[in-house]
Amino acid sequence: MTSTEIAAHFTAQLCLILIACVLMRRAAQWIGQPPVIGEMIAGVLLGPSLFGLLAPELQAAIFPRDGAGMTILYTLSQLGLVFYMFVIGLEFDTRMARTNARAVVGVSSSGLLAPLALGILCAAPLLADSGMYFTEGVDFWPAALFLGAAIATTAFPMLARIISERGMGGTRSGTLALASGALTDAVSWILLAVVIAVFQSDPMIAVAAVLGGAVYVAILLTGGKTLLARFLPARGGSELSSSAYMVVLILVLASAWYTTAIGIHSIFGGFLLGVAMPRGAVAETVIRRTEPFVKNMLLPLFFVYSGLNTQIGLVNTPLLWLVTVGLIAAAVLGKGVACYGASRLLGMGRSESLAVGSLMNARGLIELILLNIGLQAGFITPTLFTMLVLMAVVTTLMTAPVFDLAVRRGGLGMPASAAPTVEPAAEHPVG
């Protein structure tokens, strides 16, 4: 196809994607689910699992696997992820996380150690069926670490959206889940970098990811934060000039490029820069200008790209469905139950602990990113990819109902900084 034909074809793809996402967003909200659930399901429906099943020739014509449109779709979806995580970083309150440091470490540790243990338990039986779940040549420890990372991952953007939509941003449970989710995701990505490095027989990839990431965080959150505050003062006018806003966009892209170059996904470059940005009117202006286009135009592209790689028809035997159910159970046990238990041990009440456990059990967007990396690296098979996508959808579907139940039962509303995290938590409104 010519460049003009490629552009026209992609425009048609984009129209169909946005229509599907709008319809499924409304359907999700109608049943009390966050919009991201509708977007995830829209992606699966447009892929081979439904559209390709009902009209395979039409689906292949609109979404050809080897067409230039797929490259454009992937590239724009990655830009959407980077800028969305940048916005999430801008909204992240580091002061509240520091106030609850002990609880954050406790919940994060349980949300990492339990998934790693379950990853070790699940790896051996999955590897026993050579080539079915992991590709040929994958060893035990890389497989175990990948499964551990997949179970440990938290849907940080969705978690932030649920907390914001429910007005829980200033509560202890909301802040604890946000901070713990960020920490577990960071460690999960380091684990993924190690796994891919071992799989590719290049230990320097893992070294670059760990050391490069640590140095970048230290620089960005100290001297970098100071420079950004001088360039974009937290106080002053509420509007940025066009040139200043363009510089912000360039910095986001540069940060994303750097984290990609050292072996960590580009989304963490966007998130870290958002955390380092000065707060106040300028940050609010950046969010107001950036978020609507990213959330409504670019993010849906990623869900559809993931859906095109999801083939539910591959899970076509009772054994494969049993394995899928087992992975879902392991995911709930490793994150939801483990983080609930850790919160209780830290002295939080049942409702607050249930809220934290339900939020940490969501996977959604971040899980799909991790799975796509594993699939593209040739580490996991399309069958295991599909199983883990189903796990992500089911655990994410569970989040909002369980979280809302906890909020209703406990009347949660205590500010995160209002009480020590190691004493019993009140399960009624405070103040």
Protein backbone atom coordinates (compact mmCIF):
# COMPACT_ATOMS: atom_id res chain seq x y z
CA MET A 1 0.00 0.00 0.00
CA THR A 2 1.04 3.60 -0.56
CA SER A 3 1.51 6.00 2.35
CA THR A 4 -1.87 7.56 1.61
CA GLU A 5 -3.57 4.15 1.61
CA ILE A 6 -1.87 3.19 4.88
CA ALA A 7 -3.04 6.44 6.48
CA ALA A 8 -6.60 5.88 5.25
CA HIS A 9 -6.60 2.28 6.48
CA PHE A 10 -5.33 3.28 9.91
CA THR A 11 -7.98 6.00 10.12
CA ALA A 12 -10.64 3.34 9.53
CA GLN A 13 -9.05 1.13 12.20
CA LEU A 14 -9.05 4.04 14.63
CA CYS A 15 -12.73 4.79 14.03
CA LEU A 16 -13.69 1.18 14.74
CA ILE A 17 -11.47 1.03 17.83
CA LEU A 18 -12.93 4.20 19.34
CA ILE A 19 -16.52 3.14 18.61
CA ALA A 20 -15.94 -0.23 20.31
CA CYS A 21 -14.26 1.39 23.31
CA VAL A 22 -17.02 3.99 23.76
CA LEU A 23 -19.72 1.30 23.67
CA MET A 24 -17.88 -1.03 26.05
CA ARG A 25 -17.01 1.81 28.42
CA ARG A 26 -20.70 2.61 28.72
CA ALA A 27 -21.54 -1.06 29.23
CA ALA A 28 -18.88 -1.37 31.94
CA GLN A 29 -20.13 1.72 33.76
CA TRP A 30 -23.70 0.44 33.50
CA ILE A 31 -22.75 -2.65 35.52
CA GLY A 32 -20.67 -0.66 38.01
CA GLN A 33 -17.22 -1.35 36.57
CA PRO A 34 -14.54 1.27 35.79
CA PRO A 35 -14.20 2.30 32.12
CA VAL A 36 -10.87 0.48 31.79
CA ILE A 37 -12.71 -2.85 32.07
CA GLY A 38 -14.78 -1.95 29.03
CA GLU A 39 -11.65 -0.99 27.10
CA MET A 40 -9.95 -4.28 27.97
CA ILE A 41 -12.95 -6.29 26.83
CA ALA A 42 -13.33 -4.17 23.67
CA GLY A 43 -9.78 -5.12 22.72
CA VAL A 44 -10.51 -8.82 23.13
CA LEU A 45 -13.78 -8.56 21.18
CA LEU A 46 -12.08 -6.89 18.20
CA GLY A 47 -9.43 -9.60 18.09
CA PRO A 48 -9.62 -13.20 16.86
CA SER A 49 -11.58 -14.29 19.94
CA LEU A 50 -14.89 -12.82 18.68
CA PHE A 51 -14.63 -10.58 15.60
CA GLY A 52 -12.15 -12.99 14.01
CA LEU A 53 -14.40 -15.92 14.90
CA LEU A 54 -17.57 -14.39 13.44
CA ALA A 55 -16.04 -12.71 10.38
CA PRO A 56 -12.46 -13.93 9.95
CA GLU A 57 -11.90 -12.44 6.49
CA LEU A 58 -13.26 -9.02 7.44
CA GLN A 59 -11.30 -8.98 10.69
CA ALA A 60 -8.10 -9.92 8.86
CA ALA A 61 -8.74 -7.19 6.29
CA ILE A 62 -9.25 -4.49 8.93
CA PHE A 63 -6.49 -5.68 11.28
CA PRO A 64 -3.91 -7.47 9.09
CA ARG A 65 -1.25 -9.11 11.25
CA ASP A 66 1.68 -8.04 9.09
CA GLY A 67 0.45 -4.66 7.88
CA ALA A 68 2.00 -1.26 8.51
CA GLY A 69 -1.17 -0.37 10.41
CA MET A 70 -0.16 -2.75 13.21
CA THR A 71 3.18 -0.98 13.55
CA ILE A 72 1.43 2.38 13.77
CA LEU A 73 -1.08 0.94 16.24
CA TYR A 74 1.68 -0.40 18.47
CA THR A 75 3.76 2.79 18.36
CA LEU A 76 0.87 5.10 19.21
CA SER A 77 -0.30 2.75 21.95
CA GLN A 78 3.13 2.93 23.57
CA LEU A 79 3.04 6.73 23.44
CA GLY A 80 -0.35 6.59 25.11
CA LEU A 81 1.01 4.43 27.93
CA VAL A 82 3.98 6.74 28.50
CA PHE A 83 1.92 9.91 28.73
CA TYR A 84 -0.80 8.30 30.82
CA MET A 85 1.75 7.12 33.35
CA PHE A 86 3.26 10.62 33.31
CA VAL A 87 -0.13 12.00 34.35
CA ILE A 88 -0.43 9.32 37.06
CA GLY A 89 3.00 10.38 38.35
CA LEU A 90 1.88 14.01 38.45
CA GLU A 91 -1.08 13.01 40.62
CA PHE A 92 0.93 10.74 42.93
CA ASP A 93 1.34 12.17 46.45
CA THR A 94 4.78 11.12 47.72
CA ARG A 95 4.23 12.80 51.10
CA MET A 96 1.40 10.46 51.99
CA ALA A 97 3.49 7.47 50.92
CA ARG A 98 6.34 8.56 53.22
CA THR A 99 3.90 9.04 56.11
CA ASN A 100 2.85 5.39 55.77
CA ALA A 101 6.28 3.98 54.91
CA ARG A 102 6.11 1.02 57.30
CA ALA A 103 2.73 -0.12 56.02
CA VAL A 104 3.83 0.37 52.40
CA VAL A 105 6.87 -1.85 52.91
CA GLY A 106 4.79 -4.49 54.70
CA VAL A 107 2.04 -4.69 52.09
CA SER A 108 4.50 -4.51 49.19
CA SER A 109 6.62 -7.31 50.64
CA SER A 110 3.63 -9.61 50.98
CA GLY A 111 2.50 -8.66 47.47
CA LEU A 112 5.90 -9.71 46.13
CA LEU A 113 6.95 -12.72 48.21
CA ALA A 114 3.65 -14.60 47.94
CA PRO A 115 3.50 -14.27 44.12
CA LEU A 116 7.13 -15.35 43.82
CA ALA A 117 6.41 -18.44 45.94
CA LEU A 118 3.39 -19.27 43.80
CA GLY A 119 5.41 -18.66 40.64
CA ILE A 120 7.92 -21.25 41.83
CA LEU A 121 5.11 -23.73 42.56
CA CYS A 122 3.43 -23.21 39.17
CA ALA A 123 6.55 -23.17 36.98
CA ALA A 124 7.46 -26.86 37.18
CA PRO A 125 4.11 -28.32 36.04
CA LEU A 126 3.81 -25.74 33.25
CA LEU A 127 7.32 -26.47 31.99
CA ALA A 128 6.58 -30.21 32.05
CA ASP A 129 4.41 -29.76 28.95
CA SER A 130 7.22 -28.56 26.70
CA GLY A 131 6.28 -25.81 24.27
CA MET A 132 2.68 -25.48 25.43
CA TYR A 133 3.06 -22.59 27.88
CA PHE A 134 6.67 -21.46 27.65
CA THR A 135 8.70 -21.62 24.46
CA GLU A 136 11.43 -24.21 23.97
CA GLY A 137 14.61 -23.48 25.90
CA VAL A 138 13.05 -21.61 28.83
CA ASP A 139 14.55 -22.82 32.11
CA PHE A 140 12.88 -23.21 35.51
CA TRP A 141 14.01 -20.03 37.26
CA PRO A 142 13.22 -17.62 34.44
CA ALA A 143 9.78 -19.23 34.13
CA ALA A 144 9.20 -19.03 37.89
CA LEU A 145 10.28 -15.38 38.05
CA PHE A 146 8.10 -14.45 35.08
CA LEU A 147 5.04 -16.07 36.65
CA GLY A 148 5.89 -14.39 39.95
CA ALA A 149 6.12 -11.00 38.24
CA ALA A 150 2.84 -11.63 36.38
CA ILE A 151 1.05 -12.46 39.63
CA ALA A 152 2.70 -9.60 41.55
CA THR A 153 1.84 -6.89 39.02
CA THR A 154 -0.74 -4.30 40.06
CA ALA A 155 -2.94 -2.28 37.71
CA PHE A 156 -1.48 0.98 38.95
CA PRO A 157 -3.25 3.33 36.49
CA MET A 158 -6.60 1.62 37.07
CA LEU A 159 -6.01 1.57 40.81
CA ALA A 160 -5.38 5.32 40.73
CA ARG A 161 -8.51 5.88 38.64
CA ILE A 162 -10.75 3.86 40.98
CA ILE A 163 -9.41 5.68 44.04
CA SER A 164 -9.92 9.05 42.35
CA GLU A 165 -13.44 8.23 41.11
CA ARG A 166 -14.47 6.96 44.55
CA GLY A 167 -13.02 10.05 46.29
CA MET A 168 -10.54 7.89 48.26
CA GLY A 169 -7.36 9.78 47.35
CA GLY A 170 -6.81 11.13 50.86
CA THR A 171 -7.64 7.95 52.76
CA ARG A 172 -5.17 5.59 54.38
CA SER A 173 -6.30 2.57 52.36
CA GLY A 174 -6.21 4.48 49.07
CA THR A 175 -2.77 5.94 49.69
CA LEU A 176 -1.39 2.63 50.97
CA ALA A 177 -2.63 0.80 47.88
CA LEU A 178 -1.21 3.45 45.52
CA ALA A 179 2.23 3.48 47.13
CA SER A 180 2.39 -0.31 47.50
CA GLY A 181 1.21 -0.79 43.92
CA ALA A 182 3.94 1.51 42.61
CA LEU A 183 6.62 -0.33 44.60
CA THR A 184 5.50 -3.84 43.62
CA ASP A 185 5.26 -2.82 39.97
CA ALA A 186 8.77 -1.38 40.04
CA VAL A 187 10.16 -4.63 41.45
CA SER A 188 8.10 -6.67 38.98
CA TRP A 189 9.66 -4.78 36.08
CA ILE A 190 13.14 -5.36 37.47
CA LEU A 191 12.29 -9.08 37.69
CA LEU A 192 11.07 -9.00 34.10
CA ALA A 193 14.32 -7.35 32.97
CA VAL A 194 16.29 -10.10 34.75
CA VAL A 195 14.14 -12.82 33.16
CA ILE A 196 14.55 -11.44 29.63
CA ALA A 197 18.29 -10.96 30.22
CA VAL A 198 18.71 -14.58 31.34
CA PHE A 199 16.56 -15.81 28.45
CA GLN A 200 18.69 -13.86 25.98
CA SER A 201 21.91 -14.98 27.73
CA ASP A 202 22.95 -11.37 28.35
CA PRO A 203 23.41 -10.59 32.07
CA MET A 204 24.44 -7.02 31.25
CA ILE A 205 20.81 -6.24 30.41
CA ALA A 206 19.82 -7.01 34.01
CA VAL A 207 22.78 -5.05 35.42
CA ALA A 208 21.94 -2.04 33.26
CA ALA A 209 18.28 -2.17 34.32
CA VAL A 210 19.01 -2.34 38.05
CA LEU A 211 21.93 0.09 38.24
CA GLY A 212 20.70 2.44 35.54
CA GLY A 213 17.26 2.58 37.11
CA ALA A 214 18.59 3.25 40.62
CA VAL A 215 20.89 6.04 39.41
CA TYR A 216 18.12 7.62 37.35
CA VAL A 217 15.66 7.61 40.25
CA ALA A 218 18.26 9.17 42.55
CA ILE A 219 19.15 11.92 40.05
CA LEU A 220 15.61 12.66 38.96
CA LEU A 221 14.11 12.85 42.45
CA THR A 222 16.90 15.05 43.86
CA GLY A 223 18.72 17.44 41.52
CA GLY A 224 16.30 16.84 38.67
CA LYS A 225 13.34 17.72 40.85
CA THR A 226 15.04 20.98 41.87
CA LEU A 227 15.77 21.94 38.26
CA LEU A 228 12.21 21.20 37.21
CA ALA A 229 10.89 23.33 40.06
CA ARG A 230 13.00 26.26 38.86
CA PHE A 231 11.95 25.82 35.27
CA LEU A 232 8.28 25.25 36.10
CA PRO A 233 7.59 27.01 39.42
CA ALA A 234 4.87 25.41 41.49
CA ARG A 235 3.37 28.84 42.15
CA GLY A 236 2.53 31.55 39.70
CA GLY A 237 0.38 31.68 36.63
CA SER A 238 -2.00 28.86 35.92
CA GLU A 239 -1.08 28.70 32.25
CA LEU A 240 2.03 27.40 30.55
CA SER A 241 3.30 28.92 27.36
CA SER A 242 3.19 26.68 24.30
CA SER A 243 6.99 26.50 24.30
CA ALA A 244 7.15 25.47 27.96
CA TYR A 245 4.51 22.79 27.40
CA MET A 246 6.45 21.44 24.43
CA VAL A 247 9.56 21.21 26.61
CA VAL A 248 7.55 19.14 29.11
CA LEU A 249 6.47 16.79 26.32
CA ILE A 250 10.08 16.46 25.14
CA LEU A 251 11.22 15.63 28.69
CA VAL A 252 8.57 12.92 28.95
CA LEU A 253 9.73 11.33 25.70
CA ALA A 254 13.40 11.58 26.71
CA SER A 255 12.69 9.98 30.09
CA ALA A 256 10.75 7.17 28.39
CA TRP A 257 13.58 6.63 25.91
CA TYR A 258 16.16 6.37 28.70
CA THR A 259 14.28 3.78 30.73
CA THR A 260 13.72 1.75 27.57
CA ALA A 261 17.43 1.96 26.74
CA ILE A 262 18.43 0.52 30.14
CA GLY A 263 15.95 -2.37 29.89
CA ILE A 264 13.01 -1.03 31.90
CA HIS A 265 9.73 -0.31 30.13
CA SER A 266 9.18 3.23 28.89
CA ILE A 267 6.11 3.74 31.09
CA PHE A 268 8.33 4.04 34.15
CA GLY A 269 10.22 6.87 32.51
CA GLY A 270 6.94 8.71 32.12
CA PHE A 271 5.83 7.91 35.67
CA LEU A 272 9.12 8.96 37.30
CA LEU A 273 9.19 12.28 35.48
CA GLY A 274 5.61 12.91 36.61
CA VAL A 275 6.59 12.24 40.23
CA ALA A 276 9.55 14.63 39.92
CA MET A 277 7.49 17.46 38.42
CA PRO A 278 6.59 20.44 40.66
CA ARG A 279 3.07 20.45 42.04
CA GLY A 280 0.58 23.29 41.97
CA ALA A 281 -1.14 25.22 39.21
CA VAL A 282 1.41 24.31 36.54
CA ALA A 283 1.02 20.56 37.14
CA GLU A 284 -2.75 20.94 37.04
CA THR A 285 -2.45 22.73 33.71
CA VAL A 286 -0.26 19.96 32.28
CA ILE A 287 -2.78 17.33 33.41
CA ARG A 288 -5.69 19.28 31.96
CA ARG A 289 -3.98 19.60 28.59
CA THR A 290 -2.61 16.07 28.39
CA GLU A 291 -5.02 13.63 30.00
CA PRO A 292 -8.17 13.86 27.84
CA PHE A 293 -6.43 13.17 24.53
CA VAL A 294 -4.26 10.42 25.98
CA LYS A 295 -7.08 8.66 27.82
CA ASN A 296 -9.67 8.91 25.05
CA MET A 297 -7.54 8.56 21.93
CA LEU A 298 -4.23 6.80 22.61
CA LEU A 299 -4.91 4.38 25.48
CA PRO A 300 -7.69 2.48 23.66
CA LEU A 301 -5.14 1.59 20.99
CA PHE A 302 -3.12 -0.44 23.49
CA PHE A 303 -6.12 -2.45 24.66
CA VAL A 304 -6.99 -3.33 21.09
CA TYR A 305 -3.39 -4.23 20.28
CA SER A 306 -3.39 -6.62 23.25
CA GLY A 307 -6.78 -7.99 22.22
CA LEU A 308 -5.46 -8.79 18.75
CA ASN A 309 -2.86 -11.05 20.40
CA THR A 310 -5.45 -12.78 22.59
CA GLN A 311 -6.91 -15.97 21.13
CA ILE A 312 -9.37 -17.53 23.57
CA GLY A 313 -9.84 -20.37 21.09
CA LEU A 314 -6.37 -21.62 22.04
CA VAL A 315 -7.74 -22.58 25.47
CA ASN A 316 -9.71 -25.44 23.95
CA THR A 317 -9.48 -28.41 26.33
CA PRO A 318 -10.71 -29.07 29.89
CA LEU A 319 -7.09 -29.28 31.06
CA LEU A 320 -6.23 -25.87 29.63
CA TRP A 321 -9.30 -24.33 31.27
CA LEU A 322 -8.32 -26.00 34.54
CA VAL A 323 -4.85 -24.46 34.27
CA THR A 324 -6.45 -21.07 33.56
CA VAL A 325 -8.66 -21.34 36.66
CA GLY A 326 -5.60 -22.38 38.67
CA LEU A 327 -3.68 -19.31 37.51
CA ILE A 328 -6.61 -17.08 38.45
CA ALA A 329 -6.78 -18.68 41.90
CA ALA A 330 -3.02 -18.25 42.35
CA ALA A 331 -3.33 -14.59 41.35
CA VAL A 332 -6.09 -13.90 43.88
CA LEU A 333 -4.24 -15.77 46.62
CA GLY A 334 -0.88 -14.21 45.86
CA LYS A 335 -2.05 -10.60 45.78
CA GLY A 336 -5.55 -10.10 47.13
CA VAL A 337 -5.39 -12.50 50.07
CA ALA A 338 -1.71 -11.85 50.84
CA CYS A 339 -2.12 -8.06 50.91
CA TYR A 340 -5.30 -8.36 52.97
CA GLY A 341 -3.41 -10.48 55.48
CA ALA A 342 -0.48 -8.07 55.60
CA SER A 343 -2.82 -5.13 56.22
CA ARG A 344 -4.48 -6.99 59.08
CA LEU A 345 -1.11 -7.81 60.63
CA LEU A 346 -0.26 -4.11 60.46
CA GLY A 347 -3.30 -3.39 62.61
CA MET A 348 -5.75 -2.17 59.99
CA GLY A 349 -9.44 -3.02 60.27
CA ARG A 350 -11.20 -5.61 58.15
CA SER A 351 -12.79 -3.12 55.76
CA GLU A 352 -9.60 -1.14 55.19
CA SER A 353 -7.64 -4.36 54.71
CA LEU A 354 -10.24 -5.64 52.25
CA ALA A 355 -10.04 -2.36 50.34
CA VAL A 356 -6.25 -2.63 50.11
CA GLY A 357 -6.39 -6.30 49.10
CA SER A 358 -8.99 -5.70 46.41
CA LEU A 359 -7.05 -2.80 44.88
CA MET A 360 -3.76 -4.69 44.92
CA ASN A 361 -5.46 -7.67 43.25
CA ALA A 362 -6.27 -5.65 40.10
CA ARG A 363 -3.91 -6.14 37.16
CA GLY A 364 -5.39 -4.63 34.05
CA LEU A 365 -3.20 -2.35 31.97
CA ILE A 366 0.18 -3.05 33.56
CA GLU A 367 -0.34 -6.80 33.35
CA LEU A 368 -1.10 -6.52 29.65
CA ILE A 369 2.12 -4.57 29.10
CA LEU A 370 4.17 -7.22 30.89
CA LEU A 371 2.50 -10.05 28.98
CA ASN A 372 3.03 -8.35 25.63
CA ILE A 373 6.73 -7.99 26.41
CA GLY A 374 6.96 -11.69 27.28
CA LEU A 375 5.14 -12.66 24.10
CA GLN A 376 7.19 -10.38 21.84
CA ALA A 377 10.43 -11.65 23.39
CA GLY A 378 9.44 -15.20 22.42
CA PHE A 379 9.39 -16.22 26.08
CA ILE A 380 5.76 -17.32 26.48
CA THR A 381 3.43 -18.94 23.96
CA PRO A 382 0.17 -17.40 22.68
CA THR A 383 -1.66 -20.00 24.80
CA LEU A 384 -0.13 -18.86 28.10
CA PHE A 385 -0.51 -15.25 26.98
CA THR A 386 -4.25 -15.80 26.51
CA MET A 387 -4.58 -17.56 29.87
CA LEU A 388 -2.84 -14.72 31.68
CA VAL A 389 -4.95 -12.13 29.84
CA LEU A 390 -8.05 -13.94 31.10
CA MET A 391 -6.52 -13.90 34.58
CA ALA A 392 -5.97 -10.14 34.26
CA VAL A 393 -9.55 -9.55 33.12
CA VAL A 394 -11.12 -11.67 35.88
CA THR A 395 -9.03 -10.22 38.72
CA THR A 396 -9.62 -6.70 37.42
CA LEU A 397 -13.38 -7.35 37.22
CA MET A 398 -13.30 -8.36 40.89
CA THR A 399 -11.70 -5.13 42.04
CA ALA A 400 -14.46 -2.52 41.91
CA PRO A 401 -17.24 -4.65 43.49
CA VAL A 402 -15.04 -5.86 46.36
CA PHE A 403 -13.58 -2.39 46.92
CA ASP A 404 -17.04 -0.78 46.95
CA LEU A 405 -18.23 -3.45 49.40
CA ALA A 406 -15.33 -2.60 51.71
CA VAL A 407 -16.08 1.13 51.46
CA ARG A 408 -19.79 0.63 52.20
CA ARG A 409 -19.19 -1.73 55.11
CA GLY A 410 -16.44 0.30 56.72
CA GLY A 411 -17.40 3.85 55.81
CA LEU A 412 -13.77 4.42 54.95
CA GLY A 413 -12.72 8.03 55.02
CA MET A 414 -9.79 8.43 57.37
CA PRO A 415 -7.06 10.61 55.89
CA ALA A 416 -3.88 8.68 55.26
CA SER A 417 -1.86 10.95 57.53
CA ALA A 418 -4.36 11.01 60.37
CA ALA A 419 -3.48 7.84 62.21
CA PRO A 420 -0.52 5.54 62.77
CA THR A 421 -0.56 2.57 60.46
CA VAL A 422 0.34 -0.01 63.06
CA GLU A 423 -2.59 0.48 65.40
CA PRO A 424 -6.10 -0.88 64.92
CA ALA A 425 -7.93 1.07 62.26
CA ALA A 426 -11.35 2.54 62.83
CA GLU A 427 -13.93 1.12 60.43
CA HIS A 428 -16.17 4.18 60.47
CA PRO A 429 -15.78 7.73 59.23
CA VAL A 430 -13.35 9.85 61.19
CA GLY A 431 -13.88 13.61 61.12
